[in-house]
Amino acid sequence: MQFLVSLFFKFCDTWLPIWLRPRHILDLRQRAGAWKRVRAEHLAKHPACEVCGRTTNLTVHHIFPVSIAPELELVENNLITLCETPCHFMFGHFFSYHCYNKDVRQMARNFRAKMSRRKCTKFR
């Protein structure tokens, strides 16, 4: 089935239309309470964007989206702190909210390391 989908949607091999995604039922009241707690705990442990270091306008990003892996929704290893603009869109979704980046944590580490080693020439 993934082969057929990739024929139609070549721009992102991880994108699936809603009607092809696995169905799951969530109790939204239970999810909301648990998610708020997990999100707050995650932001307390990781209070800055893991790509650029910004500490404002943060989002807790699911590495594997809830629509694809609902069992990982509240798992700490599936979460990463990213700033809403631009890191969440660039690193978390490869410039398309129809995609996800399973290697976002490694890419964030590599980018931070590269930025810390850069040589800066100052203006006069």
PDB file of N, CA and C in Angstrom:
ATOM      1  N   MET A   1       0.824  -1.190   0.000  1.00  0.00           N
ATOM      2  CA  MET A   1       0.000   0.000   0.000  1.00  0.00           C
ATOM      3  C   MET A   1       0.870   1.256   0.000  1.00  0.00           C
ATOM      4  N   GLN A   2       1.966   1.250   0.779  1.00  0.00           N
ATOM      5  CA  GLN A   2       2.861   2.413   0.808  1.00  0.00           C
ATOM      6  C   GLN A   2       3.408   2.696  -0.584  1.00  0.00           C
ATOM      7  N   PHE A   3       3.671   1.644  -1.351  1.00  0.00           N
ATOM      8  CA  PHE A   3       4.158   1.825  -2.717  1.00  0.00           C
ATOM      9  C   PHE A   3       3.144   2.589  -3.558  1.00  0.00           C
ATOM     10  N   LEU A   4       1.881   2.220  -3.459  1.00  0.00           N
ATOM     11  CA  LEU A   4       0.836   2.907  -4.216  1.00  0.00           C
ATOM     12  C   LEU A   4       0.708   4.360  -3.791  1.00  0.00           C
ATOM     13  N   VAL A   5       0.779   4.588  -2.494  1.00  0.00           N
ATOM     14  CA  VAL A   5       0.679   5.959  -1.988  1.00  0.00           C
ATOM     15  C   VAL A   5       1.853   6.784  -2.483  1.00  0.00           C
ATOM     16  N   SER A   6       3.058   6.207  -2.470  1.00  0.00           N
ATOM     17  CA  SER A   6       4.234   6.968  -2.899  1.00  0.00           C
ATOM     18  C   SER A   6       4.177   7.317  -4.383  1.00  0.00           C
ATOM     19  N   LEU A   7       3.486   6.522  -5.178  1.00  0.00           N
ATOM     20  CA  LEU A   7       3.312   6.874  -6.584  1.00  0.00           C
ATOM     21  C   LEU A   7       2.531   8.174  -6.739  1.00  0.00           C
ATOM     22  N   PHE A   8       1.545   8.360  -5.880  1.00  0.00           N
ATOM     23  CA  PHE A   8       0.697   9.544  -5.969  1.00  0.00           C
ATOM     24  C   PHE A   8       1.272  10.744  -5.229  1.00  0.00           C
ATOM     25  N   PHE A   9       2.031  10.503  -4.193  1.00  0.00           N
ATOM     26  CA  PHE A   9       2.520  11.592  -3.351  1.00  0.00           C
ATOM     27  C   PHE A   9       4.037  11.520  -3.220  1.00  0.00           C
ATOM     28  N   LYS A  10       4.743  11.775  -4.293  1.00  0.00           N
ATOM     29  CA  LYS A  10       6.197  11.645  -4.309  1.00  0.00           C
ATOM     30  C   LYS A  10       6.905  12.697  -3.474  1.00  0.00           C
ATOM     31  N   PHE A  11       6.255  13.816  -3.187  1.00  0.00           N
ATOM     32  CA  PHE A  11       6.936  14.882  -2.462  1.00  0.00           C
ATOM     33  C   PHE A  11       7.274  14.498  -1.040  1.00  0.00           C
ATOM     34  N   CYS A  12       6.616  13.522  -0.480  1.00  0.00           N
ATOM     35  CA  CYS A  12       6.923  13.113   0.897  1.00  0.00           C
ATOM     36  C   CYS A  12       6.457  11.686   1.103  1.00  0.00           C
ATOM     37  N   ASP A  13       7.397  10.771   1.289  1.00  0.00           N
ATOM     38  CA  ASP A  13       7.014   9.366   1.402  1.00  0.00           C
ATOM     39  C   ASP A  13       6.362   9.018   2.730  1.00  0.00           C
ATOM     40  N   THR A  14       6.379   9.922   3.710  1.00  0.00           N
ATOM     41  CA  THR A  14       5.743   9.630   4.990  1.00  0.00           C
ATOM     42  C   THR A  14       4.335  10.198   5.070  1.00  0.00           C
ATOM     43  N   TRP A  15       3.866  10.860   4.019  1.00  0.00           N
ATOM     44  CA  TRP A  15       2.542  11.459   4.033  1.00  0.00           C
ATOM     45  C   TRP A  15       1.508  10.423   3.635  1.00  0.00           C
ATOM     46  N   LEU A  16       0.455  10.350   4.401  1.00  0.00           N
ATOM     47  CA  LEU A  16      -0.669   9.487   4.072  1.00  0.00           C
ATOM     48  C   LEU A  16      -1.951  10.286   4.211  1.00  0.00           C
ATOM     49  N   PRO A  17      -2.873  10.156   3.259  1.00  0.00           N
ATOM     50  CA  PRO A  17      -4.140  10.840   3.445  1.00  0.00           C
ATOM     51  C   PRO A  17      -4.858  10.289   4.676  1.00  0.00           C
ATOM     52  N   ILE A  18      -5.711  11.092   5.260  1.00  0.00           N
ATOM     53  CA  ILE A  18      -6.392  10.698   6.493  1.00  0.00           C
ATOM     54  C   ILE A  18      -7.121   9.367   6.322  1.00  0.00           C
ATOM     55  N   TRP A  19      -7.728   9.138   5.173  1.00  0.00           N
ATOM     56  CA  TRP A  19      -8.507   7.917   4.986  1.00  0.00           C
ATOM     57  C   TRP A  19      -7.641   6.666   4.900  1.00  0.00           C
ATOM     58  N   LEU A  20      -6.297   6.811   4.776  1.00  0.00           N
ATOM     59  CA  LEU A  20      -5.411   5.644   4.775  1.00  0.00           C
ATOM     60  C   LEU A  20      -4.707   5.428   6.107  1.00  0.00           C
ATOM     61  N   ARG A  21      -4.820   6.381   7.003  1.00  0.00           N
ATOM     62  CA  ARG A  21      -4.126   6.266   8.288  1.00  0.00           C
ATOM     63  C   ARG A  21      -4.821   5.249   9.183  1.00  0.00           C
ATOM     64  N   PRO A  22      -4.056   4.606  10.069  1.00  0.00           N
ATOM     65  CA  PRO A  22      -4.698   3.682  11.006  1.00  0.00           C
ATOM     66  C   PRO A  22      -5.653   4.447  11.917  1.00  0.00           C
ATOM     67  N   ARG A  23      -6.776   3.852  12.169  1.00  0.00           N
ATOM     68  CA  ARG A  23      -7.778   4.522  12.998  1.00  0.00           C
ATOM     69  C   ARG A  23      -7.543   4.190  14.466  1.00  0.00           C
ATOM     70  N   HIS A  24      -7.736   5.172  15.302  1.00  0.00           N
ATOM     71  CA  HIS A  24      -7.658   4.950  16.738  1.00  0.00           C
ATOM     72  C   HIS A  24      -8.641   5.886  17.418  1.00  0.00           C
ATOM     73  N   ILE A  25      -9.094   5.465  18.564  1.00  0.00           N
ATOM     74  CA  ILE A  25     -10.075   6.251  19.309  1.00  0.00           C
ATOM     75  C   ILE A  25      -9.391   6.803  20.540  1.00  0.00           C
ATOM     76  N   LEU A  26      -9.520   8.101  20.739  1.00  0.00           N
ATOM     77  CA  LEU A  26      -8.932   8.740  21.906  1.00  0.00           C
ATOM     78  C   LEU A  26     -10.033   9.335  22.766  1.00  0.00           C
ATOM     79  N   ASP A  27      -9.924   9.177  24.071  1.00  0.00           N
ATOM     80  CA  ASP A  27     -10.801   9.900  24.980  1.00  0.00           C
ATOM     81  C   ASP A  27     -10.171  11.273  25.142  1.00  0.00           C
ATOM     82  N   LEU A  28     -10.734  12.268  24.474  1.00  0.00           N
ATOM     83  CA  LEU A  28     -10.115  13.592  24.423  1.00  0.00           C
ATOM     84  C   LEU A  28      -9.988  14.240  25.790  1.00  0.00           C
ATOM     85  N   ARG A  29     -10.935  13.984  26.690  1.00  0.00           N
ATOM     86  CA  ARG A  29     -10.814  14.563  28.039  1.00  0.00           C
ATOM     87  C   ARG A  29      -9.612  13.973  28.765  1.00  0.00           C
ATOM     88  N   GLN A  30      -9.430  12.669  28.662  1.00  0.00           N
ATOM     89  CA  GLN A  30      -8.290  12.010  29.308  1.00  0.00           C
ATOM     90  C   GLN A  30      -6.987  12.455  28.649  1.00  0.00           C
ATOM     91  N   ARG A  31      -6.979  12.534  27.330  1.00  0.00           N
ATOM     92  CA  ARG A  31      -5.787  12.950  26.598  1.00  0.00           C
ATOM     93  C   ARG A  31      -5.380  14.358  26.975  1.00  0.00           C
ATOM     94  N   ALA A  32      -6.325  15.263  27.047  1.00  0.00           N
ATOM     95  CA  ALA A  32      -6.008  16.660  27.332  1.00  0.00           C
ATOM     96  C   ALA A  32      -5.302  16.803  28.675  1.00  0.00           C
ATOM     97  N   GLY A  33      -5.799  16.152  29.702  1.00  0.00           N
ATOM     98  CA  GLY A  33      -5.178  16.242  31.026  1.00  0.00           C
ATOM     99  C   GLY A  33      -3.793  15.625  31.055  1.00  0.00           C
ATOM    100  N   ALA A  34      -3.669  14.436  30.489  1.00  0.00           N
ATOM    101  CA  ALA A  34      -2.375  13.754  30.474  1.00  0.00           C
ATOM    102  C   ALA A  34      -1.380  14.524  29.618  1.00  0.00           C
ATOM    103  N   TRP A  35      -1.813  15.035  28.466  1.00  0.00           N
ATOM    104  CA  TRP A  35      -0.915  15.760  27.578  1.00  0.00           C
ATOM    105  C   TRP A  35      -0.422  17.040  28.230  1.00  0.00           C
ATOM    106  N   LYS A  36      -1.294  17.771  28.912  1.00  0.00           N
ATOM    107  CA  LYS A  36      -0.875  19.008  29.575  1.00  0.00           C
ATOM    108  C   LYS A  36       0.212  18.725  30.606  1.00  0.00           C
ATOM    109  N   ARG A  37       0.036  17.644  31.363  1.00  0.00           N
ATOM    110  CA  ARG A  37       1.019  17.284  32.389  1.00  0.00           C
ATOM    111  C   ARG A  37       2.353  16.895  31.745  1.00  0.00           C
ATOM    112  N   VAL A  38       2.318  16.017  30.745  1.00  0.00           N
ATOM    113  CA  VAL A  38       3.542  15.555  30.078  1.00  0.00           C
ATOM    114  C   VAL A  38       4.248  16.721  29.393  1.00  0.00           C
ATOM    115  N   ARG A  39       3.484  17.588  28.742  1.00  0.00           N
ATOM    116  CA  ARG A  39       4.054  18.753  28.061  1.00  0.00           C
ATOM    117  C   ARG A  39       4.757  19.671  29.055  1.00  0.00           C
ATOM    118  N   ALA A  40       4.109  19.946  30.188  1.00  0.00           N
ATOM    119  CA  ALA A  40       4.706  20.818  31.208  1.00  0.00           C
ATOM    120  C   ALA A  40       5.985  20.200  31.773  1.00  0.00           C
ATOM    121  N   GLU A  41       5.967  18.897  32.044  1.00  0.00           N
ATOM    122  CA  GLU A  41       7.163  18.211  32.551  1.00  0.00           C
ATOM    123  C   GLU A  41       8.294  18.264  31.523  1.00  0.00           C
ATOM    124  N   HIS A  42       7.952  18.061  30.263  1.00  0.00           N
ATOM    125  CA  HIS A  42       8.975  18.087  29.209  1.00  0.00           C
ATOM    126  C   HIS A  42       9.593  19.479  29.088  1.00  0.00           C
ATOM    127  N   LEU A  43       8.759  20.520  29.100  1.00  0.00           N
ATOM    128  CA  LEU A  43       9.284  21.887  28.996  1.00  0.00           C
ATOM    129  C   LEU A  43      10.121  22.269  30.213  1.00  0.00           C
ATOM    130  N   ALA A  44       9.802  21.713  31.382  1.00  0.00           N
ATOM    131  CA  ALA A  44      10.615  21.978  32.572  1.00  0.00           C
ATOM    132  C   ALA A  44      12.011  21.356  32.423  1.00  0.00           C
ATOM    133  N   LYS A  45      12.090  20.167  31.827  1.00  0.00           N
ATOM    134  CA  LYS A  45      13.380  19.493  31.617  1.00  0.00           C
ATOM    135  C   LYS A  45      14.151  20.070  30.434  1.00  0.00           C
ATOM    136  N   HIS A  46      13.424  20.507  29.410  1.00  0.00           N
ATOM    137  CA  HIS A  46      14.030  21.000  28.164  1.00  0.00           C
ATOM    138  C   HIS A  46      13.438  22.372  27.841  1.00  0.00           C
ATOM    139  N   PRO A  47      13.902  23.430  28.509  1.00  0.00           N
ATOM    140  CA  PRO A  47      13.263  24.749  28.387  1.00  0.00           C
ATOM    141  C   PRO A  47      13.709  25.583  27.188  1.00  0.00           C
ATOM    142  N   ALA A  48      14.448  25.001  26.258  1.00  0.00           N
ATOM    143  CA  ALA A  48      14.925  25.760  25.091  1.00  0.00           C
ATOM    144  C   ALA A  48      14.790  24.903  23.837  1.00  0.00           C
ATOM    145  N   CYS A  49      14.676  25.573  22.697  1.00  0.00           N
ATOM    146  CA  CYS A  49      14.622  24.880  21.408  1.00  0.00           C
ATOM    147  C   CYS A  49      15.914  24.079  21.242  1.00  0.00           C
ATOM    148  N   GLU A  50      15.787  22.825  20.896  1.00  0.00           N
ATOM    149  CA  GLU A  50      16.968  21.973  20.777  1.00  0.00           C
ATOM    150  C   GLU A  50      17.739  22.207  19.483  1.00  0.00           C
ATOM    151  N   VAL A  51      17.209  23.047  18.604  1.00  0.00           N
ATOM    152  CA  VAL A  51      17.920  23.403  17.376  1.00  0.00           C
ATOM    153  C   VAL A  51      18.654  24.722  17.559  1.00  0.00           C
ATOM    154  N   CYS A  52      17.926  25.783  17.893  1.00  0.00           N
ATOM    155  CA  CYS A  52      18.520  27.127  17.911  1.00  0.00           C
ATOM    156  C   CYS A  52      18.764  27.680  19.313  1.00  0.00           C
ATOM    157  N   GLY A  53      18.187  27.075  20.344  1.00  0.00           N
ATOM    158  CA  GLY A  53      18.404  27.541  21.706  1.00  0.00           C
ATOM    159  C   GLY A  53      17.421  28.597  22.189  1.00  0.00           C
ATOM    160  N   ARG A  54      16.486  28.992  21.355  1.00  0.00           N
ATOM    161  CA  ARG A  54      15.489  30.002  21.743  1.00  0.00           C
ATOM    162  C   ARG A  54      14.666  29.501  22.928  1.00  0.00           C
ATOM    163  N   THR A  55      14.272  30.420  23.805  1.00  0.00           N
ATOM    164  CA  THR A  55      13.505  30.039  24.990  1.00  0.00           C
ATOM    165  C   THR A  55      12.079  30.590  24.975  1.00  0.00           C
ATOM    166  N   THR A  56      11.675  31.215  23.885  1.00  0.00           N
ATOM    167  CA  THR A  56      10.312  31.739  23.777  1.00  0.00           C
ATOM    168  C   THR A  56       9.597  31.087  22.603  1.00  0.00           C
ATOM    169  N   ASN A  57       8.271  31.107  22.666  1.00  0.00           N
ATOM    170  CA  ASN A  57       7.433  30.575  21.591  1.00  0.00           C
ATOM    171  C   ASN A  57       7.789  29.118  21.275  1.00  0.00           C
ATOM    172  N   LEU A  58       7.816  28.286  22.328  1.00  0.00           N
ATOM    173  CA  LEU A  58       8.225  26.888  22.184  1.00  0.00           C
ATOM    174  C   LEU A  58       7.034  25.969  21.968  1.00  0.00           C
ATOM    175  N   THR A  59       7.295  24.873  21.287  1.00  0.00           N
ATOM    176  CA  THR A  59       6.300  23.817  21.119  1.00  0.00           C
ATOM    177  C   THR A  59       6.963  22.481  21.451  1.00  0.00           C
ATOM    178  N   VAL A  60       6.183  21.571  21.999  1.00  0.00           N
ATOM    179  CA  VAL A  60       6.680  20.216  22.235  1.00  0.00           C
ATOM    180  C   VAL A  60       6.223  19.385  21.039  1.00  0.00           C
ATOM    181  N   HIS A  61       7.187  18.951  20.260  1.00  0.00           N
ATOM    182  CA  HIS A  61       6.932  18.265  18.988  1.00  0.00           C
ATOM    183  C   HIS A  61       6.982  16.756  19.180  1.00  0.00           C
ATOM    184  N   HIS A  62       6.012  16.045  18.596  1.00  0.00           N
ATOM    185  CA  HIS A  62       6.034  14.583  18.571  1.00  0.00           C
ATOM    186  C   HIS A  62       6.895  14.143  17.387  1.00  0.00           C
ATOM    187  N   ILE A  63       7.942  13.397  17.638  1.00  0.00           N
ATOM    188  CA  ILE A  63       8.812  12.919  16.564  1.00  0.00           C
ATOM    189  C   ILE A  63       8.016  12.004  15.632  1.00  0.00           C
ATOM    190  N   PHE A  64       7.330  11.028  16.199  1.00  0.00           N
ATOM    191  CA  PHE A  64       6.385  10.220  15.436  1.00  0.00           C
ATOM    192  C   PHE A  64       4.994  10.753  15.758  1.00  0.00           C
ATOM    193  N   PRO A  65       4.279  11.281  14.767  1.00  0.00           N
ATOM    194  CA  PRO A  65       2.993  11.928  15.019  1.00  0.00           C
ATOM    195  C   PRO A  65       1.981  11.009  15.702  1.00  0.00           C
ATOM    196  N   VAL A  66       1.102  11.607  16.462  1.00  0.00           N
ATOM    197  CA  VAL A  66       0.059  10.867  17.167  1.00  0.00           C
ATOM    198  C   VAL A  66      -0.828  10.120  16.175  1.00  0.00           C
ATOM    199  N   SER A  67      -1.037  10.676  15.003  1.00  0.00           N
ATOM    200  CA  SER A  67      -1.886  10.020  14.004  1.00  0.00           C
ATOM    201  C   SER A  67      -1.270   8.726  13.475  1.00  0.00           C
ATOM    202  N   ILE A  68       0.042   8.595  13.566  1.00  0.00           N
ATOM    203  CA  ILE A  68       0.732   7.401  13.073  1.00  0.00           C
ATOM    204  C   ILE A  68       1.063   6.440  14.212  1.00  0.00           C
ATOM    205  N   ALA A  69       1.465   6.994  15.361  1.00  0.00           N
ATOM    206  CA  ALA A  69       1.850   6.167  16.511  1.00  0.00           C
ATOM    207  C   ALA A  69       1.184   6.695  17.781  1.00  0.00           C
ATOM    208  N   PRO A  70      -0.117   6.456  17.960  1.00  0.00           N
ATOM    209  CA  PRO A  70      -0.818   6.986  19.133  1.00  0.00           C
ATOM    210  C   PRO A  70      -0.269   6.453  20.452  1.00  0.00           C
ATOM    211  N   GLU A  71       0.334   5.266  20.429  1.00  0.00           N
ATOM    212  CA  GLU A  71       0.886   4.693  21.657  1.00  0.00           C
ATOM    213  C   GLU A  71       2.117   5.457  22.151  1.00  0.00           C
ATOM    214  N   LEU A  72       2.726   6.283  21.297  1.00  0.00           N
ATOM    215  CA  LEU A  72       3.912   7.061  21.672  1.00  0.00           C
ATOM    216  C   LEU A  72       3.588   8.502  22.049  1.00  0.00           C
ATOM    217  N   GLU A  73       2.310   8.837  22.110  1.00  0.00           N
ATOM    218  CA  GLU A  73       1.913  10.224  22.344  1.00  0.00           C
ATOM    219  C   GLU A  73       2.506  10.818  23.617  1.00  0.00           C
ATOM    220  N   LEU A  74       2.539  10.059  24.697  1.00  0.00           N
ATOM    221  CA  LEU A  74       2.988  10.585  25.983  1.00  0.00           C
ATOM    222  C   LEU A  74       4.357  10.046  26.398  1.00  0.00           C
ATOM    223  N   VAL A  75       5.082   9.438  25.478  1.00  0.00           N
ATOM    224  CA  VAL A  75       6.394   8.853  25.767  1.00  0.00           C
ATOM    225  C   VAL A  75       7.473   9.921  25.602  1.00  0.00           C
ATOM    226  N   GLU A  76       8.280  10.104  26.631  1.00  0.00           N
ATOM    227  CA  GLU A  76       9.312  11.153  26.651  1.00  0.00           C
ATOM    228  C   GLU A  76      10.269  11.062  25.465  1.00  0.00           C
ATOM    229  N   ASN A  77      10.651   9.858  25.071  1.00  0.00           N
ATOM    230  CA  ASN A  77      11.605   9.696  23.963  1.00  0.00           C
ATOM    231  C   ASN A  77      11.027  10.108  22.611  1.00  0.00           C
ATOM    232  N   ASN A  78       9.723  10.299  22.538  1.00  0.00           N
ATOM    233  CA  ASN A  78       9.085  10.715  21.290  1.00  0.00           C
ATOM    234  C   ASN A  78       8.869  12.227  21.239  1.00  0.00           C
ATOM    235  N   LEU A  79       9.367  12.951  22.219  1.00  0.00           N
ATOM    236  CA  LEU A  79       9.140  14.395  22.294  1.00  0.00           C
ATOM    237  C   LEU A  79      10.447  15.163  22.154  1.00  0.00           C
ATOM    238  N   ILE A  80      10.360  16.336  21.544  1.00  0.00           N
ATOM    239  CA  ILE A  80      11.501  17.237  21.429  1.00  0.00           C
ATOM    240  C   ILE A  80      10.970  18.667  21.483  1.00  0.00           C
ATOM    241  N   THR A  81      11.704  19.541  22.158  1.00  0.00           N
ATOM    242  CA  THR A  81      11.316  20.947  22.240  1.00  0.00           C
ATOM    243  C   THR A  81      11.874  21.688  21.035  1.00  0.00           C
ATOM    244  N   LEU A  82      10.977  22.363  20.312  1.00  0.00           N
ATOM    245  CA  LEU A  82      11.366  23.175  19.157  1.00  0.00           C
ATOM    246  C   LEU A  82      10.663  24.519  19.251  1.00  0.00           C
ATOM    247  N   CYS A  83      11.297  25.569  18.728  1.00  0.00           N
ATOM    248  CA  CYS A  83      10.595  26.850  18.665  1.00  0.00           C
ATOM    249  C   CYS A  83       9.591  26.768  17.518  1.00  0.00           C
ATOM    250  N   GLU A  84       8.460  27.446  17.713  1.00  0.00           N
ATOM    251  CA  GLU A  84       7.382  27.357  16.722  1.00  0.00           C
ATOM    252  C   GLU A  84       7.840  27.822  15.344  1.00  0.00           C
ATOM    253  N   THR A  85       8.589  28.926  15.320  1.00  0.00           N
ATOM    254  CA  THR A  85       9.068  29.477  14.050  1.00  0.00           C
ATOM    255  C   THR A  85      10.544  29.783  14.183  1.00  0.00           C
ATOM    256  N   PRO A  86      11.400  29.278  13.355  1.00  0.00           N
ATOM    257  CA  PRO A  86      11.175  28.435  12.183  1.00  0.00           C
ATOM    258  C   PRO A  86      11.487  26.962  12.405  1.00  0.00           C
ATOM    259  N   CYS A  87      12.063  26.590  13.543  1.00  0.00           N
ATOM    260  CA  CYS A  87      12.623  25.236  13.706  1.00  0.00           C
ATOM    261  C   CYS A  87      11.581  24.122  13.627  1.00  0.00           C
ATOM    262  N   HIS A  88      10.396  24.325  14.196  1.00  0.00           N
ATOM    263  CA  HIS A  88       9.371  23.285  14.166  1.00  0.00           C
ATOM    264  C   HIS A  88       9.017  22.912  12.727  1.00  0.00           C
ATOM    265  N   PHE A  89       8.809  23.907  11.900  1.00  0.00           N
ATOM    266  CA  PHE A  89       8.420  23.663  10.508  1.00  0.00           C
ATOM    267  C   PHE A  89       9.589  23.101   9.692  1.00  0.00           C
ATOM    268  N   MET A  90      10.782  23.666   9.876  1.00  0.00           N
ATOM    269  CA  MET A  90      11.942  23.233   9.078  1.00  0.00           C
ATOM    270  C   MET A  90      12.456  21.862   9.497  1.00  0.00           C
ATOM    271  N   PHE A  91      12.753  21.701  10.780  1.00  0.00           N
ATOM    272  CA  PHE A  91      13.383  20.466  11.241  1.00  0.00           C
ATOM    273  C   PHE A  91      12.365  19.374  11.571  1.00  0.00           C
ATOM    274  N   GLY A  92      11.233  19.754  12.131  1.00  0.00           N
ATOM    275  CA  GLY A  92      10.233  18.763  12.524  1.00  0.00           C
ATOM    276  C   GLY A  92       9.416  18.226  11.371  1.00  0.00           C
ATOM    277  N   HIS A  93       9.224  19.064  10.326  1.00  0.00           N
ATOM    278  CA  HIS A  93       8.323  18.671   9.240  1.00  0.00           C
ATOM    279  C   HIS A  93       8.912  18.828   7.843  1.00  0.00           C
ATOM    280  N   PHE A  94      10.186  19.144   7.705  1.00  0.00           N
ATOM    281  CA  PHE A  94      10.805  19.300   6.375  1.00  0.00           C
ATOM    282  C   PHE A  94      10.011  20.247   5.472  1.00  0.00           C
ATOM    283  N   PHE A  95       9.557  21.357   6.031  1.00  0.00           N
ATOM    284  CA  PHE A  95       8.829  22.391   5.284  1.00  0.00           C
ATOM    285  C   PHE A  95       7.460  21.943   4.767  1.00  0.00           C
ATOM    286  N   SER A  96       6.903  20.880   5.294  1.00  0.00           N
ATOM    287  CA  SER A  96       5.561  20.435   4.900  1.00  0.00           C
ATOM    288  C   SER A  96       4.915  19.723   6.083  1.00  0.00           C
ATOM    289  N   TYR A  97       3.761  20.220   6.508  1.00  0.00           N
ATOM    290  CA  TYR A  97       3.075  19.580   7.628  1.00  0.00           C
ATOM    291  C   TYR A  97       2.503  18.214   7.252  1.00  0.00           C
ATOM    292  N   HIS A  98       2.662  17.791   6.014  1.00  0.00           N
ATOM    293  CA  HIS A  98       2.266  16.445   5.604  1.00  0.00           C
ATOM    294  C   HIS A  98       3.394  15.445   5.853  1.00  0.00           C
ATOM    295  N   CYS A  99       4.556  15.924   6.310  1.00  0.00           N
ATOM    296  CA  CYS A  99       5.725  15.072   6.531  1.00  0.00           C
ATOM    297  C   CYS A  99       6.129  15.089   7.999  1.00  0.00           C
ATOM    298  N   TYR A 100       6.890  14.095   8.387  1.00  0.00           N
ATOM    299  CA  TYR A 100       7.525  14.120   9.701  1.00  0.00           C
ATOM    300  C   TYR A 100       8.970  13.665   9.544  1.00  0.00           C
ATOM    301  N   ASN A 101       9.792  14.080  10.494  1.00  0.00           N
ATOM    302  CA  ASN A 101      11.224  13.807  10.448  1.00  0.00           C
ATOM    303  C   ASN A 101      11.591  12.913  11.622  1.00  0.00           C
ATOM    304  N   LYS A 102      11.773  11.636  11.369  1.00  0.00           N
ATOM    305  CA  LYS A 102      12.100  10.709  12.453  1.00  0.00           C
ATOM    306  C   LYS A 102      13.509  10.939  13.000  1.00  0.00           C
ATOM    307  N   ASP A 103      14.357  11.664  12.265  1.00  0.00           N
ATOM    308  CA  ASP A 103      15.726  11.940  12.701  1.00  0.00           C
ATOM    309  C   ASP A 103      15.895  13.360  13.229  1.00  0.00           C
ATOM    310  N   VAL A 104      14.819  13.987  13.663  1.00  0.00           N
ATOM    311  CA  VAL A 104      14.869  15.389  14.082  1.00  0.00           C
ATOM    312  C   VAL A 104      15.830  15.603  15.255  1.00  0.00           C
ATOM    313  N   ARG A 105      15.901  14.673  16.182  1.00  0.00           N
ATOM    314  CA  ARG A 105      16.785  14.842  17.343  1.00  0.00           C
ATOM    315  C   ARG A 105      18.256  14.877  16.905  1.00  0.00           C
ATOM    316  N   GLN A 106      18.657  13.965  16.024  1.00  0.00           N
ATOM    317  CA  GLN A 106      20.036  13.932  15.532  1.00  0.00           C
ATOM    318  C   GLN A 106      20.344  15.165  14.692  1.00  0.00           C
ATOM    319  N   MET A 107      19.402  15.580  13.852  1.00  0.00           N
ATOM    320  CA  MET A 107      19.613  16.779  13.043  1.00  0.00           C
ATOM    321  C   MET A 107      19.762  18.015  13.928  1.00  0.00           C
ATOM    322  N   ALA A 108      18.992  18.093  15.003  1.00  0.00           N
ATOM    323  CA  ALA A 108      19.090  19.227  15.928  1.00  0.00           C
ATOM    324  C   ALA A 108      20.476  19.263  16.573  1.00  0.00           C
ATOM    325  N   ARG A 109      20.966  18.098  17.027  1.00  0.00           N
ATOM    326  CA  ARG A 109      22.307  18.030  17.631  1.00  0.00           C
ATOM    327  C   ARG A 109      23.378  18.467  16.640  1.00  0.00           C
ATOM    328  N   ASN A 110      23.288  17.960  15.422  1.00  0.00           N
ATOM    329  CA  ASN A 110      24.277  18.304  14.396  1.00  0.00           C
ATOM    330  C   ASN A 110      24.258  19.794  14.084  1.00  0.00           C
ATOM    331  N   PHE A 111      23.075  20.373  13.972  1.00  0.00           N
ATOM    332  CA  PHE A 111      22.960  21.792  13.663  1.00  0.00           C
ATOM    333  C   PHE A 111      23.531  22.644  14.794  1.00  0.00           C
ATOM    334  N   ARG A 112      23.199  22.303  16.047  1.00  0.00           N
ATOM    335  CA  ARG A 112      23.729  23.057  17.197  1.00  0.00           C
ATOM    336  C   ARG A 112      25.250  22.976  17.238  1.00  0.00           C
ATOM    337  N   ALA A 113      25.794  21.793  16.992  1.00  0.00           N
ATOM    338  CA  ALA A 113      27.252  21.624  17.003  1.00  0.00           C
ATOM    339  C   ALA A 113      27.893  22.447  15.895  1.00  0.00           C
ATOM    340  N   LYS A 114      27.315  22.416  14.715  1.00  0.00           N
ATOM    341  CA  LYS A 114      27.855  23.167  13.586  1.00  0.00           C
ATOM    342  C   LYS A 114      27.807  24.669  13.868  1.00  0.00           C
ATOM    343  N   MET A 115      26.722  25.145  14.448  1.00  0.00           N
ATOM    344  CA  MET A 115      26.591  26.569  14.746  1.00  0.00           C
ATOM    345  C   MET A 115      27.569  27.006  15.839  1.00  0.00           C
ATOM    346  N   SER A 116      27.854  26.137  16.792  1.00  0.00           N
ATOM    347  CA  SER A 116      28.778  26.514  17.866  1.00  0.00           C
ATOM    348  C   SER A 116      30.227  26.554  17.383  1.00  0.00           C
ATOM    349  N   ARG A 117      30.545  25.847  16.293  1.00  0.00           N
ATOM    350  CA  ARG A 117      31.910  25.830  15.760  1.00  0.00           C
ATOM    351  C   ARG A 117      32.144  26.875  14.677  1.00  0.00           C
ATOM    352  N   ARG A 118      31.120  27.566  14.257  1.00  0.00           N
ATOM    353  CA  ARG A 118      31.279  28.499  13.135  1.00  0.00           C
ATOM    354  C   ARG A 118      32.165  29.671  13.526  1.00  0.00           C
ATOM    355  N   LYS A 119      32.862  30.179  12.547  1.00  0.00           N
ATOM    356  CA  LYS A 119      33.712  31.347  12.752  1.00  0.00           C
ATOM    357  C   LYS A 119      32.952  32.560  12.243  1.00  0.00           C
ATOM    358  N   CYS A 120      32.900  33.561  13.059  1.00  0.00           N
ATOM    359  CA  CYS A 120      32.123  34.748  12.734  1.00  0.00           C
ATOM    360  C   CYS A 120      33.059  35.922  12.459  1.00  0.00           C
ATOM    361  N   THR A 121      32.868  36.550  11.322  1.00  0.00           N
ATOM    362  CA  THR A 121      33.619  37.754  10.997  1.00  0.00           C
ATOM    363  C   THR A 121      32.751  38.944  11.350  1.00  0.00           C
ATOM    364  N   LYS A 122      33.269  39.806  12.207  1.00  0.00           N
ATOM    365  CA  LYS A 122      32.476  40.946  12.660  1.00  0.00           C
ATOM    366  C   LYS A 122      32.539  42.090  11.664  1.00  0.00           C
ATOM    367  N   PHE A 123      31.458  42.849  11.620  1.00  0.00           N
ATOM    368  CA  PHE A 123      31.430  44.069  10.813  1.00  0.00           C
ATOM    369  C   PHE A 123      32.300  45.116  11.486  1.00  0.00           C
ATOM    370  N   ARG A 124      32.717  46.085  10.739  1.00  0.00           N
ATOM    371  CA  ARG A 124      33.552  47.150  11.312  1.00  0.00           C
ATOM    372  C   ARG A 124      32.824  47.966  12.319  1.00  0.00           C
TER     373      ARG A 124
END
